[in-house]
């Protein structure tokens, strides 16, 4: 079994080297899809909502994978040749002050408008109401992930690492939302 896993990993690494953007996009799409399938099951859905799953995978494939790819390339350009904890701290701070707010806003808009198919006014109202707490929560968790990512992950694995943690985070949020709903019931 380990031989099969090792061979698959070697093929993945080769694709990552030959086609980094495509590989990261597909990886992000698959991880978002797995996360959404698990989240749907946790929330008690009897039958998997295929449309939602596909739209979430599309988000990972078309947005989060490519965005991460270009973000990390840009960070390497901005901080070219600089290493050390101070540089890592600057990268984390820059990411948290720029891309974190944007990504949370964009995801909330995408989820409301595209995945749930809600009208603009409802989505705008929900984002206005929920965005501040979502962003504050993100700032409590994601800087740690960013630190680990910039400090320990090689450049080619940063999107994979971030996508994997984001998938786990989405499952955690779903479990938390479900426990709140059960307590209210």
N, C-alpha and C. Protein backbone atom coordinates (compact mmCIF):
# COMPACT_ATOMS: atom_id res chain seq x y z
N UNK A 1 0.82 -1.20 0.00
CA UNK A 1 0.00 0.00 0.00
C UNK A 1 0.86 1.26 0.00
N UNK A 2 1.91 1.27 0.82
CA UNK A 2 2.76 2.46 0.88
C UNK A 2 3.46 2.72 -0.45
N UNK A 3 3.68 1.65 -1.21
CA UNK A 3 4.29 1.79 -2.53
C UNK A 3 3.35 2.56 -3.47
N UNK A 4 2.07 2.27 -3.40
CA UNK A 4 1.06 2.95 -4.23
C UNK A 4 0.97 4.43 -3.84
N UNK A 5 0.95 4.68 -2.54
CA UNK A 5 0.88 6.05 -2.04
C UNK A 5 2.13 6.82 -2.46
N UNK A 6 3.28 6.21 -2.33
CA UNK A 6 4.54 6.84 -2.70
C UNK A 6 4.57 7.16 -4.20
N UNK A 7 4.11 6.22 -5.01
CA UNK A 7 4.08 6.44 -6.46
C UNK A 7 3.12 7.58 -6.82
N UNK A 8 1.96 7.61 -6.18
CA UNK A 8 0.98 8.68 -6.42
C UNK A 8 1.57 10.03 -6.01
N UNK A 9 2.25 10.06 -4.87
CA UNK A 9 2.87 11.29 -4.39
C UNK A 9 3.94 11.78 -5.36
N UNK A 10 4.75 10.87 -5.88
CA UNK A 10 5.79 11.24 -6.84
C UNK A 10 5.17 11.81 -8.12
N UNK A 11 4.08 11.22 -8.56
CA UNK A 11 3.39 11.74 -9.75
C UNK A 11 2.81 13.13 -9.47
N UNK A 12 2.27 13.30 -8.26
CA UNK A 12 1.73 14.61 -7.87
C UNK A 12 2.85 15.66 -7.88
N UNK A 13 4.00 15.32 -7.30
CA UNK A 13 5.13 16.25 -7.25
C UNK A 13 5.60 16.62 -8.65
N UNK A 14 5.58 15.64 -9.56
CA UNK A 14 6.00 15.90 -10.94
C UNK A 14 5.02 16.88 -11.60
N UNK A 15 3.71 16.66 -11.38
CA UNK A 15 2.71 17.58 -11.94
C UNK A 15 2.85 18.97 -11.33
N UNK A 16 3.15 19.02 -10.04
CA UNK A 16 3.33 20.29 -9.35
C UNK A 16 4.51 21.06 -9.94
N UNK A 17 5.54 20.33 -10.34
CA UNK A 17 6.72 20.95 -10.94
C UNK A 17 6.45 21.37 -12.39
N UNK A 18 5.79 20.49 -13.16
CA UNK A 18 5.55 20.77 -14.57
C UNK A 18 4.42 21.77 -14.79
N UNK A 19 3.36 21.67 -14.00
CA UNK A 19 2.16 22.50 -14.17
C UNK A 19 1.69 23.03 -12.81
N UNK A 20 2.46 23.93 -12.20
CA UNK A 20 2.13 24.34 -10.83
C UNK A 20 0.76 24.97 -10.66
N UNK A 21 0.38 25.88 -11.54
CA UNK A 21 -0.91 26.55 -11.40
C UNK A 21 -2.07 25.57 -11.55
N UNK A 22 -2.02 24.77 -12.58
CA UNK A 22 -3.08 23.78 -12.82
C UNK A 22 -3.19 22.80 -11.66
N UNK A 23 -2.05 22.31 -11.19
CA UNK A 23 -2.05 21.33 -10.10
C UNK A 23 -2.60 21.93 -8.81
N UNK A 24 -2.22 23.16 -8.51
CA UNK A 24 -2.72 23.82 -7.30
C UNK A 24 -4.22 24.11 -7.42
N UNK A 25 -4.68 24.48 -8.60
CA UNK A 25 -6.10 24.74 -8.81
C UNK A 25 -6.92 23.46 -8.63
N UNK A 26 -6.47 22.38 -9.23
CA UNK A 26 -7.18 21.10 -9.09
C UNK A 26 -7.15 20.64 -7.64
N UNK A 27 -6.01 20.75 -7.00
CA UNK A 27 -5.88 20.35 -5.60
C UNK A 27 -6.85 21.13 -4.72
N UNK A 28 -6.88 22.45 -4.89
CA UNK A 28 -7.78 23.29 -4.10
C UNK A 28 -9.23 22.91 -4.36
N UNK A 29 -9.58 22.67 -5.62
CA UNK A 29 -10.95 22.28 -5.96
C UNK A 29 -11.35 20.97 -5.30
N UNK A 30 -10.47 19.98 -5.34
CA UNK A 30 -10.75 18.68 -4.72
C UNK A 30 -10.88 18.82 -3.21
N UNK A 31 -9.98 19.57 -2.58
CA UNK A 31 -10.04 19.73 -1.13
C UNK A 31 -11.30 20.50 -0.69
N UNK A 32 -11.67 21.53 -1.42
CA UNK A 32 -12.90 22.26 -1.10
C UNK A 32 -14.10 21.33 -1.28
N UNK A 33 -14.07 20.52 -2.32
CA UNK A 33 -15.17 19.57 -2.55
C UNK A 33 -15.29 18.55 -1.43
N UNK A 34 -14.16 18.00 -1.01
CA UNK A 34 -14.18 17.04 0.11
C UNK A 34 -14.70 17.69 1.37
N UNK A 35 -14.23 18.89 1.63
CA UNK A 35 -14.67 19.63 2.81
C UNK A 35 -16.18 19.89 2.77
N UNK A 36 -16.69 20.29 1.62
CA UNK A 36 -18.12 20.57 1.51
C UNK A 36 -18.95 19.30 1.66
N UNK A 37 -18.48 18.21 1.08
CA UNK A 37 -19.21 16.93 1.23
C UNK A 37 -19.29 16.53 2.70
N UNK A 38 -18.17 16.64 3.41
CA UNK A 38 -18.16 16.32 4.84
C UNK A 38 -19.07 17.28 5.60
N UNK A 39 -18.97 18.58 5.28
CA UNK A 39 -19.79 19.58 5.95
C UNK A 39 -21.28 19.32 5.73
N UNK A 40 -21.64 18.94 4.52
CA UNK A 40 -23.05 18.63 4.25
C UNK A 40 -23.51 17.45 5.09
N UNK A 41 -22.70 16.42 5.16
CA UNK A 41 -23.07 15.24 5.95
C UNK A 41 -23.18 15.58 7.43
N UNK A 42 -22.24 16.38 7.93
CA UNK A 42 -22.28 16.79 9.33
C UNK A 42 -23.55 17.57 9.63
N UNK A 43 -23.96 18.41 8.68
CA UNK A 43 -25.14 19.25 8.90
C UNK A 43 -26.43 18.45 8.82
N UNK A 44 -26.35 17.16 8.48
CA UNK A 44 -27.53 16.30 8.49
C UNK A 44 -28.23 16.14 7.16
N UNK A 45 -27.60 16.59 6.10
CA UNK A 45 -28.21 16.45 4.77
C UNK A 45 -28.32 14.96 4.44
N UNK A 46 -29.52 14.54 4.05
CA UNK A 46 -29.73 13.12 3.72
C UNK A 46 -29.09 12.77 2.38
N UNK A 47 -29.31 13.64 1.41
CA UNK A 47 -28.77 13.42 0.07
C UNK A 47 -27.81 14.57 -0.26
N UNK A 48 -26.61 14.22 -0.69
CA UNK A 48 -25.60 15.21 -1.02
C UNK A 48 -26.13 16.20 -2.06
N UNK A 49 -25.97 17.49 -1.79
CA UNK A 49 -26.41 18.54 -2.72
C UNK A 49 -25.31 18.71 -3.77
N UNK A 50 -25.49 18.05 -4.90
CA UNK A 50 -24.47 18.00 -5.93
C UNK A 50 -24.18 19.38 -6.53
N UNK A 51 -25.21 20.18 -6.75
CA UNK A 51 -25.01 21.52 -7.31
C UNK A 51 -24.11 22.34 -6.39
N UNK A 52 -24.41 22.31 -5.10
CA UNK A 52 -23.60 23.04 -4.12
C UNK A 52 -22.16 22.54 -4.14
N UNK A 53 -21.99 21.22 -4.14
CA UNK A 53 -20.67 20.61 -4.15
C UNK A 53 -19.86 21.06 -5.36
N UNK A 54 -20.47 21.04 -6.53
CA UNK A 54 -19.79 21.45 -7.76
C UNK A 54 -19.42 22.93 -7.72
N UNK A 55 -20.34 23.76 -7.24
CA UNK A 55 -20.05 25.19 -7.14
C UNK A 55 -18.93 25.48 -6.14
N UNK A 56 -18.88 24.71 -5.07
CA UNK A 56 -17.79 24.88 -4.10
C UNK A 56 -16.46 24.42 -4.71
N UNK A 57 -16.50 23.31 -5.43
CA UNK A 57 -15.28 22.84 -6.09
C UNK A 57 -14.81 23.87 -7.12
N UNK A 58 -15.75 24.46 -7.82
CA UNK A 58 -15.42 25.49 -8.81
C UNK A 58 -14.73 26.67 -8.12
N UNK A 59 -15.22 27.06 -6.95
CA UNK A 59 -14.61 28.14 -6.18
C UNK A 59 -13.14 27.80 -5.88
N UNK A 60 -12.89 26.58 -5.41
CA UNK A 60 -11.51 26.17 -5.11
C UNK A 60 -10.65 26.14 -6.35
N UNK A 61 -11.21 25.60 -7.44
CA UNK A 61 -10.47 25.45 -8.69
C UNK A 61 -10.21 26.80 -9.37
N UNK A 62 -11.25 27.61 -9.48
CA UNK A 62 -11.14 28.85 -10.26
C UNK A 62 -10.62 30.03 -9.45
N UNK A 63 -10.79 29.99 -8.13
CA UNK A 63 -10.38 31.14 -7.34
C UNK A 63 -9.29 30.82 -6.31
N UNK A 64 -9.60 30.00 -5.32
CA UNK A 64 -8.67 29.88 -4.20
C UNK A 64 -7.32 29.26 -4.58
N UNK A 65 -7.32 28.26 -5.43
CA UNK A 65 -6.04 27.67 -5.87
C UNK A 65 -5.19 28.66 -6.65
N UNK A 66 -5.75 29.26 -7.72
CA UNK A 66 -4.96 30.26 -8.46
C UNK A 66 -4.59 31.49 -7.63
N UNK A 67 -5.52 31.97 -6.80
CA UNK A 67 -5.22 33.13 -5.96
C UNK A 67 -4.03 32.84 -5.06
N UNK A 68 -4.04 31.68 -4.42
CA UNK A 68 -2.93 31.29 -3.55
C UNK A 68 -1.62 31.17 -4.32
N UNK A 69 -1.70 30.59 -5.50
CA UNK A 69 -0.51 30.43 -6.35
C UNK A 69 0.15 31.79 -6.60
N UNK A 70 -0.66 32.74 -7.06
CA UNK A 70 -0.11 34.05 -7.39
C UNK A 70 0.24 34.87 -6.15
N UNK A 71 -0.50 34.69 -5.07
CA UNK A 71 -0.17 35.38 -3.83
C UNK A 71 1.23 34.99 -3.35
N UNK A 72 1.51 33.70 -3.33
CA UNK A 72 2.81 33.25 -2.82
C UNK A 72 3.95 33.62 -3.77
N UNK A 73 3.67 33.66 -5.07
CA UNK A 73 4.69 34.13 -6.00
C UNK A 73 4.97 35.61 -5.76
N UNK A 74 3.91 36.39 -5.52
CA UNK A 74 4.08 37.81 -5.26
C UNK A 74 4.85 38.04 -3.96
N UNK A 75 4.53 37.27 -2.94
CA UNK A 75 5.24 37.40 -1.66
C UNK A 75 6.73 37.14 -1.86
N UNK A 76 7.07 36.17 -2.70
CA UNK A 76 8.48 35.88 -2.94
C UNK A 76 9.16 37.03 -3.68
N UNK A 77 8.42 37.72 -4.54
CA UNK A 77 8.98 38.87 -5.25
C UNK A 77 9.17 40.04 -4.27
N UNK A 78 8.14 40.31 -3.47
CA UNK A 78 8.20 41.42 -2.52
C UNK A 78 9.34 41.23 -1.51
N UNK A 79 9.49 40.00 -1.04
CA UNK A 79 10.50 39.72 0.00
C UNK A 79 11.68 38.93 -0.56
N UNK A 80 12.02 39.18 -1.80
CA UNK A 80 13.07 38.43 -2.49
C UNK A 80 14.37 38.38 -1.69
N UNK A 81 14.80 37.15 -1.45
CA UNK A 81 16.07 36.93 -0.78
C UNK A 81 16.06 37.16 0.72
N UNK A 82 14.94 37.60 1.26
CA UNK A 82 14.89 37.87 2.70
C UNK A 82 14.36 36.65 3.43
N UNK A 83 15.02 36.32 4.51
CA UNK A 83 14.65 35.15 5.32
C UNK A 83 14.54 35.59 6.77
N UNK A 84 14.18 34.66 7.61
CA UNK A 84 14.16 34.94 9.04
C UNK A 84 12.77 35.23 9.57
N UNK A 85 12.68 35.25 10.89
CA UNK A 85 11.39 35.40 11.56
C UNK A 85 10.76 36.77 11.31
N UNK A 86 11.58 37.79 11.17
CA UNK A 86 11.04 39.13 10.90
C UNK A 86 10.37 39.16 9.53
N UNK A 87 10.97 38.53 8.55
CA UNK A 87 10.37 38.47 7.22
C UNK A 87 9.08 37.65 7.24
N UNK A 88 9.10 36.54 7.96
CA UNK A 88 7.89 35.72 8.09
C UNK A 88 6.77 36.55 8.72
N UNK A 89 7.10 37.28 9.77
CA UNK A 89 6.11 38.12 10.44
C UNK A 89 5.55 39.17 9.48
N UNK A 90 6.40 39.77 8.67
CA UNK A 90 5.94 40.77 7.69
C UNK A 90 5.02 40.14 6.65
N UNK A 91 5.36 38.93 6.19
CA UNK A 91 4.51 38.24 5.22
C UNK A 91 3.14 37.94 5.82
N UNK A 92 3.14 37.44 7.05
CA UNK A 92 1.87 37.12 7.72
C UNK A 92 1.04 38.39 7.89
N UNK A 93 1.67 39.45 8.35
CA UNK A 93 0.97 40.71 8.57
C UNK A 93 0.40 41.25 7.25
N UNK A 94 1.20 41.25 6.21
CA UNK A 94 0.74 41.72 4.90
C UNK A 94 -0.44 40.89 4.40
N UNK A 95 -0.32 39.58 4.53
CA UNK A 95 -1.40 38.69 4.10
C UNK A 95 -2.68 38.96 4.90
N UNK A 96 -2.54 39.09 6.21
CA UNK A 96 -3.72 39.27 7.06
C UNK A 96 -4.38 40.63 6.88
N UNK A 97 -3.63 41.64 6.52
CA UNK A 97 -4.20 42.97 6.33
C UNK A 97 -4.76 43.20 4.93
N UNK A 98 -4.35 42.37 3.97
CA UNK A 98 -4.80 42.58 2.59
C UNK A 98 -5.68 41.43 2.09
N UNK A 99 -5.10 40.27 1.95
CA UNK A 99 -5.84 39.18 1.31
C UNK A 99 -6.87 38.53 2.22
N UNK A 100 -6.64 38.48 3.51
CA UNK A 100 -7.60 37.86 4.41
C UNK A 100 -8.96 38.58 4.37
N UNK A 101 -8.99 39.90 4.54
CA UNK A 101 -10.29 40.58 4.45
C UNK A 101 -10.96 40.39 3.09
N UNK A 102 -10.17 40.49 2.03
CA UNK A 102 -10.72 40.32 0.69
C UNK A 102 -11.28 38.92 0.50
N UNK A 103 -10.51 37.90 0.86
CA UNK A 103 -10.94 36.51 0.66
C UNK A 103 -12.22 36.19 1.44
N UNK A 104 -12.32 36.66 2.66
CA UNK A 104 -13.53 36.41 3.45
C UNK A 104 -14.74 37.11 2.84
N UNK A 105 -14.54 38.35 2.43
CA UNK A 105 -15.63 39.10 1.78
C UNK A 105 -16.06 38.40 0.49
N UNK A 106 -15.08 38.06 -0.34
CA UNK A 106 -15.38 37.43 -1.63
C UNK A 106 -16.10 36.09 -1.43
N UNK A 107 -15.63 35.28 -0.46
CA UNK A 107 -16.26 34.00 -0.22
C UNK A 107 -17.71 34.18 0.24
N UNK A 108 -17.94 35.11 1.14
CA UNK A 108 -19.30 35.34 1.63
C UNK A 108 -20.23 35.77 0.49
N UNK A 109 -19.72 36.62 -0.39
CA UNK A 109 -20.52 37.06 -1.55
C UNK A 109 -20.77 35.88 -2.50
N UNK A 110 -19.73 35.14 -2.81
CA UNK A 110 -19.86 33.99 -3.72
C UNK A 110 -20.85 32.97 -3.15
N UNK A 111 -20.69 32.65 -1.88
CA UNK A 111 -21.55 31.64 -1.27
C UNK A 111 -23.00 32.09 -1.29
N UNK A 112 -23.25 33.33 -0.91
CA UNK A 112 -24.63 33.82 -0.88
C UNK A 112 -25.25 33.96 -2.25
N UNK A 113 -24.53 34.59 -3.18
CA UNK A 113 -25.09 34.86 -4.50
C UNK A 113 -25.10 33.63 -5.41
N UNK A 114 -24.00 32.90 -5.44
CA UNK A 114 -23.86 31.80 -6.40
C UNK A 114 -24.30 30.47 -5.80
N UNK A 115 -23.74 30.09 -4.67
CA UNK A 115 -24.03 28.77 -4.11
C UNK A 115 -25.47 28.69 -3.59
N UNK A 116 -25.85 29.68 -2.78
CA UNK A 116 -27.21 29.67 -2.24
C UNK A 116 -28.23 30.30 -3.17
N UNK A 117 -27.78 31.10 -4.13
CA UNK A 117 -28.68 31.73 -5.09
C UNK A 117 -29.60 32.78 -4.46
N UNK A 118 -29.13 33.44 -3.44
CA UNK A 118 -29.95 34.45 -2.76
C UNK A 118 -29.89 35.78 -3.51
N UNK A 119 -30.92 36.60 -3.33
CA UNK A 119 -30.91 37.92 -3.99
C UNK A 119 -29.85 38.85 -3.40
N UNK A 120 -29.42 39.80 -4.21
CA UNK A 120 -28.36 40.73 -3.86
C UNK A 120 -28.62 41.42 -2.51
N UNK A 121 -29.81 41.94 -2.30
CA UNK A 121 -30.11 42.68 -1.06
C UNK A 121 -29.95 41.80 0.17
N UNK A 122 -30.38 40.56 0.09
CA UNK A 122 -30.24 39.64 1.22
C UNK A 122 -28.77 39.34 1.51
N UNK A 123 -28.02 39.08 0.46
CA UNK A 123 -26.59 38.76 0.63
C UNK A 123 -25.86 39.97 1.18
N UNK A 124 -26.14 41.13 0.63
CA UNK A 124 -25.50 42.36 1.10
C UNK A 124 -25.79 42.58 2.59
N UNK A 125 -27.02 42.35 2.98
CA UNK A 125 -27.41 42.52 4.38
C UNK A 125 -26.69 41.51 5.28
N UNK A 126 -26.62 40.26 4.82
CA UNK A 126 -25.96 39.21 5.61
C UNK A 126 -24.46 39.49 5.74
N UNK A 127 -23.84 39.90 4.66
CA UNK A 127 -22.42 40.23 4.70
C UNK A 127 -22.18 41.40 5.64
N UNK A 128 -23.00 42.42 5.53
CA UNK A 128 -22.86 43.59 6.41
C UNK A 128 -22.97 43.19 7.88
N UNK A 129 -23.88 42.26 8.16
CA UNK A 129 -24.12 41.82 9.54
C UNK A 129 -23.02 40.88 10.05
N UNK A 130 -22.62 39.90 9.23
CA UNK A 130 -21.73 38.83 9.68
C UNK A 130 -20.24 39.05 9.40
N UNK A 131 -19.92 39.88 8.43
CA UNK A 131 -18.53 40.03 8.01
C UNK A 131 -17.59 40.43 9.16
N UNK A 132 -17.93 41.43 9.98
CA UNK A 132 -16.98 41.81 11.04
C UNK A 132 -16.60 40.64 11.96
N UNK A 133 -17.57 39.84 12.39
CA UNK A 133 -17.24 38.72 13.29
C UNK A 133 -16.48 37.62 12.55
N UNK A 134 -16.80 37.41 11.28
CA UNK A 134 -16.06 36.42 10.48
C UNK A 134 -14.60 36.85 10.37
N UNK A 135 -14.37 38.13 10.07
CA UNK A 135 -12.99 38.60 9.90
C UNK A 135 -12.23 38.57 11.22
N UNK A 136 -12.87 38.96 12.30
CA UNK A 136 -12.20 38.91 13.61
C UNK A 136 -11.83 37.48 13.99
N UNK A 137 -12.73 36.55 13.73
CA UNK A 137 -12.44 35.13 13.99
C UNK A 137 -11.27 34.66 13.13
N UNK A 138 -11.28 35.07 11.87
CA UNK A 138 -10.18 34.69 10.96
C UNK A 138 -8.85 35.22 11.48
N UNK A 139 -8.85 36.42 12.01
CA UNK A 139 -7.60 37.00 12.52
C UNK A 139 -7.12 36.32 13.80
N UNK A 140 -7.95 35.52 14.42
CA UNK A 140 -7.51 34.76 15.60
C UNK A 140 -6.86 33.43 15.20
N UNK A 141 -7.24 32.91 14.04
CA UNK A 141 -6.79 31.58 13.63
C UNK A 141 -5.74 31.61 12.51
N UNK A 142 -6.01 32.35 11.45
CA UNK A 142 -5.19 32.27 10.24
C UNK A 142 -3.77 32.81 10.36
N UNK A 143 -3.48 33.77 11.24
CA UNK A 143 -2.07 34.18 11.37
C UNK A 143 -1.16 33.03 11.81
N UNK A 144 -1.68 32.14 12.63
CA UNK A 144 -0.88 30.97 13.06
C UNK A 144 -0.60 30.08 11.85
N UNK A 145 -1.64 29.85 11.05
CA UNK A 145 -1.48 29.04 9.84
C UNK A 145 -0.49 29.71 8.89
N UNK A 146 -0.63 31.02 8.73
CA UNK A 146 0.28 31.77 7.86
C UNK A 146 1.72 31.67 8.34
N UNK A 147 1.91 31.75 9.66
CA UNK A 147 3.26 31.64 10.21
C UNK A 147 3.87 30.29 9.88
N UNK A 148 3.12 29.23 10.13
CA UNK A 148 3.62 27.88 9.83
C UNK A 148 3.90 27.76 8.33
N UNK A 149 2.99 28.27 7.53
CA UNK A 149 3.13 28.18 6.07
C UNK A 149 4.40 28.88 5.59
N UNK A 150 4.61 30.11 6.01
CA UNK A 150 5.79 30.86 5.54
C UNK A 150 7.09 30.40 6.20
N UNK A 151 7.00 29.93 7.41
CA UNK A 151 8.21 29.54 8.14
C UNK A 151 8.71 28.15 7.73
N UNK A 152 7.78 27.22 7.50
CA UNK A 152 8.19 25.82 7.34
C UNK A 152 7.86 25.18 5.99
N UNK A 153 6.91 25.72 5.26
CA UNK A 153 6.51 25.08 4.01
C UNK A 153 7.33 25.61 2.83
N UNK A 154 7.84 24.71 2.01
CA UNK A 154 8.48 25.16 0.77
C UNK A 154 7.42 25.83 -0.11
N UNK A 155 7.83 26.76 -0.93
CA UNK A 155 6.94 27.54 -1.77
C UNK A 155 5.91 26.69 -2.52
N UNK A 156 6.35 25.59 -3.11
CA UNK A 156 5.45 24.78 -3.93
C UNK A 156 4.35 24.08 -3.13
N UNK A 157 4.50 23.99 -1.79
CA UNK A 157 3.49 23.32 -0.96
C UNK A 157 2.59 24.28 -0.18
N UNK A 158 2.81 25.57 -0.32
CA UNK A 158 2.04 26.52 0.49
C UNK A 158 0.55 26.53 0.16
N UNK A 159 0.21 26.45 -1.10
CA UNK A 159 -1.22 26.43 -1.47
C UNK A 159 -1.85 25.12 -1.00
N UNK A 160 -1.15 24.03 -1.15
CA UNK A 160 -1.65 22.73 -0.69
C UNK A 160 -1.90 22.76 0.82
N UNK A 161 -0.92 23.26 1.57
CA UNK A 161 -1.05 23.34 3.03
C UNK A 161 -2.23 24.23 3.41
N UNK A 162 -2.31 25.41 2.81
CA UNK A 162 -3.39 26.34 3.12
C UNK A 162 -4.74 25.74 2.75
N UNK A 163 -4.84 25.09 1.60
CA UNK A 163 -6.11 24.48 1.17
C UNK A 163 -6.53 23.37 2.12
N UNK A 164 -5.56 22.58 2.57
CA UNK A 164 -5.89 21.50 3.51
C UNK A 164 -6.40 22.06 4.84
N UNK A 165 -5.72 23.06 5.37
CA UNK A 165 -6.15 23.67 6.63
C UNK A 165 -7.51 24.35 6.44
N UNK A 166 -7.72 25.00 5.31
CA UNK A 166 -9.01 25.64 5.03
C UNK A 166 -10.14 24.61 5.00
N UNK A 167 -9.85 23.43 4.47
CA UNK A 167 -10.85 22.36 4.44
C UNK A 167 -11.20 21.91 5.86
N UNK A 168 -10.20 21.74 6.67
CA UNK A 168 -10.43 21.36 8.08
C UNK A 168 -11.17 22.46 8.82
N UNK A 169 -10.81 23.72 8.56
CA UNK A 169 -11.45 24.87 9.19
C UNK A 169 -12.95 24.91 8.83
N UNK A 170 -13.26 24.64 7.56
CA UNK A 170 -14.66 24.66 7.12
C UNK A 170 -15.46 23.56 7.83
N UNK A 171 -14.87 22.40 8.01
CA UNK A 171 -15.55 21.31 8.73
C UNK A 171 -15.75 21.72 10.19
N UNK A 172 -14.73 22.31 10.80
CA UNK A 172 -14.84 22.78 12.18
C UNK A 172 -15.97 23.81 12.32
N UNK A 173 -16.03 24.78 11.41
CA UNK A 173 -17.08 25.80 11.47
C UNK A 173 -18.46 25.18 11.33
N UNK A 174 -18.56 24.17 10.47
CA UNK A 174 -19.84 23.50 10.29
C UNK A 174 -20.25 22.76 11.57
N UNK A 175 -19.29 22.10 12.20
CA UNK A 175 -19.58 21.41 13.46
C UNK A 175 -20.02 22.41 14.53
N UNK A 176 -19.34 23.54 14.58
CA UNK A 176 -19.68 24.57 15.55
C UNK A 176 -21.08 25.11 15.29
N UNK A 177 -21.40 25.39 14.05
CA UNK A 177 -22.73 25.89 13.70
C UNK A 177 -23.79 24.87 14.05
N UNK A 178 -23.49 23.61 13.83
CA UNK A 178 -24.45 22.56 14.14
C UNK A 178 -24.66 22.44 15.65
N UNK A 179 -23.58 22.54 16.44
CA UNK A 179 -23.73 22.42 17.89
C UNK A 179 -24.53 23.59 18.45
N UNK A 180 -24.37 24.78 17.86
CA UNK A 180 -25.16 25.93 18.28
C UNK A 180 -26.64 25.70 17.94
N UNK A 181 -26.91 25.14 16.76
CA UNK A 181 -28.28 24.87 16.34
C UNK A 181 -28.92 23.81 17.25
N UNK A 182 -28.15 22.80 17.66
CA UNK A 182 -28.67 21.74 18.53
C UNK A 182 -28.99 22.31 19.91
N UNK A 183 -28.10 23.19 20.42
CA UNK A 183 -28.35 23.81 21.72
C UNK A 183 -29.61 24.66 21.71
N UNK A 184 -29.89 25.34 20.58
CA UNK A 184 -31.08 26.18 20.48
C UNK A 184 -32.35 25.36 20.35
N UNK A 185 -32.24 24.12 19.85
CA UNK A 185 -33.41 23.27 19.62
C UNK A 185 -33.94 22.65 20.89
